[in-house]
Amino acid sequence: MNATVSLEGILQMLQPLSADNKRWLSEKLMEEAKAKTHAPCQYTVEEMESRIAQAEKRAQYGDWGLSDEEADKELLEALPWLQ
């Protein structure tokens, strides 16, 4: 069974919990949120400059990388909720 509950509904369901249980739940939610946060870019400035220079060289020779269709396909595979 699939059910959809609003955030307000979830908050109302949690109201009967004790303060200790609410604190515990908030800590667990924060841990999970932090674990799902993506790390910042791991490239150095020099690596980024090198990658940009390589892309510019390829573009000068007509290699523009992905076509619009390929880019759309990759984007929708990575982020299916955009469909």
Protein backbone atom coordinates (compact mmCIF):
# COMPACT_ATOMS: atom_id res chain seq x y z
CA MET A 1 0.00 0.00 0.00
CA ASN A 2 1.34 3.42 -0.95
CA ALA A 3 0.23 6.44 1.05
CA THR A 4 1.10 10.08 0.84
CA VAL A 5 1.29 12.12 4.02
CA SER A 6 1.97 15.82 4.19
CA LEU A 7 4.73 17.16 6.38
CA GLU A 8 2.05 18.80 8.53
CA GLY A 9 0.41 15.39 8.91
CA ILE A 10 3.69 13.83 9.97
CA LEU A 11 4.25 16.64 12.48
CA GLN A 12 0.80 16.07 13.98
CA MET A 13 1.48 12.32 14.26
CA LEU A 14 4.67 13.06 16.20
CA GLN A 15 3.08 15.44 18.72
CA PRO A 16 2.34 12.69 21.30
CA LEU A 17 6.04 11.71 21.50
CA SER A 18 7.98 12.62 24.61
CA ALA A 19 10.61 15.35 24.44
CA ASP A 20 13.36 12.71 24.64
CA ASN A 21 11.89 10.75 21.74
CA LYS A 22 11.54 13.93 19.67
CA ARG A 23 15.18 14.80 20.35
CA TRP A 24 16.27 11.27 19.38
CA LEU A 25 14.23 11.42 16.17
CA SER A 26 15.58 14.84 15.27
CA GLU A 27 19.15 13.61 15.72
CA LYS A 28 18.46 10.57 13.48
CA LEU A 29 16.88 12.78 10.81
CA MET A 30 19.85 15.16 10.89
CA GLU A 31 22.32 12.27 10.60
CA GLU A 32 20.46 10.91 7.59
CA ALA A 33 20.22 14.33 5.97
CA LYS A 34 23.95 14.92 6.41
CA ALA A 35 24.74 11.48 4.95
CA LYS A 36 22.69 12.28 1.85
CA THR A 37 24.30 15.68 1.32
CA HIS A 38 26.61 15.62 -1.66
CA ALA A 39 30.24 16.48 -1.10
CA PRO A 40 31.49 19.67 -2.71
CA CYS A 41 33.49 19.47 -5.91
CA GLN A 42 36.73 17.60 -5.34
CA TYR A 43 38.69 19.25 -8.17
CA THR A 44 41.49 21.73 -7.55
CA VAL A 45 41.48 25.04 -9.38
CA GLU A 46 44.30 23.76 -11.59
CA GLU A 47 42.36 20.61 -12.48
CA MET A 48 39.29 22.65 -13.36
CA GLU A 49 41.34 25.02 -15.51
CA SER A 50 42.87 22.01 -17.29
CA ARG A 51 39.45 20.47 -17.92
CA ILE A 52 38.10 23.75 -19.27
CA ALA A 53 41.12 24.15 -21.56
CA GLN A 54 40.65 20.60 -22.88
CA ALA A 55 36.95 21.24 -23.54
CA GLU A 56 37.76 24.48 -25.35
CA LYS A 57 40.28 22.67 -27.58
CA ARG A 58 37.75 19.97 -28.42
CA ALA A 59 35.15 22.63 -29.21
CA GLN A 60 37.56 24.34 -31.64
CA TYR A 61 37.64 21.09 -33.62
CA GLY A 62 33.87 20.69 -33.59
CA ASP A 63 33.64 18.17 -30.75
CA TRP A 64 30.91 19.64 -28.59
CA GLY A 65 30.54 16.57 -26.38
CA LEU A 66 27.02 15.30 -25.87
CA SER A 67 24.19 16.09 -28.24
CA ASP A 68 21.11 17.73 -26.76
CA GLU A 69 19.30 14.39 -26.84
CA GLU A 70 22.15 12.58 -25.09
CA ALA A 71 22.38 15.30 -22.44
CA ASP A 72 18.61 15.17 -21.85
CA LYS A 73 18.74 11.36 -21.55
CA GLU A 74 21.62 11.47 -19.01
CA LEU A 75 19.89 14.21 -17.02
CA LEU A 76 16.61 12.29 -16.83
CA GLU A 77 18.42 9.09 -15.85
CA ALA A 78 20.19 10.93 -13.03
CA LEU A 79 17.12 12.95 -11.97
CA PRO A 80 14.02 10.95 -12.93
CA TRP A 81 11.65 13.27 -11.08
CA LEU A 82 12.22 15.90 -13.82
CA GLN A 83 10.13 13.88 -16.29
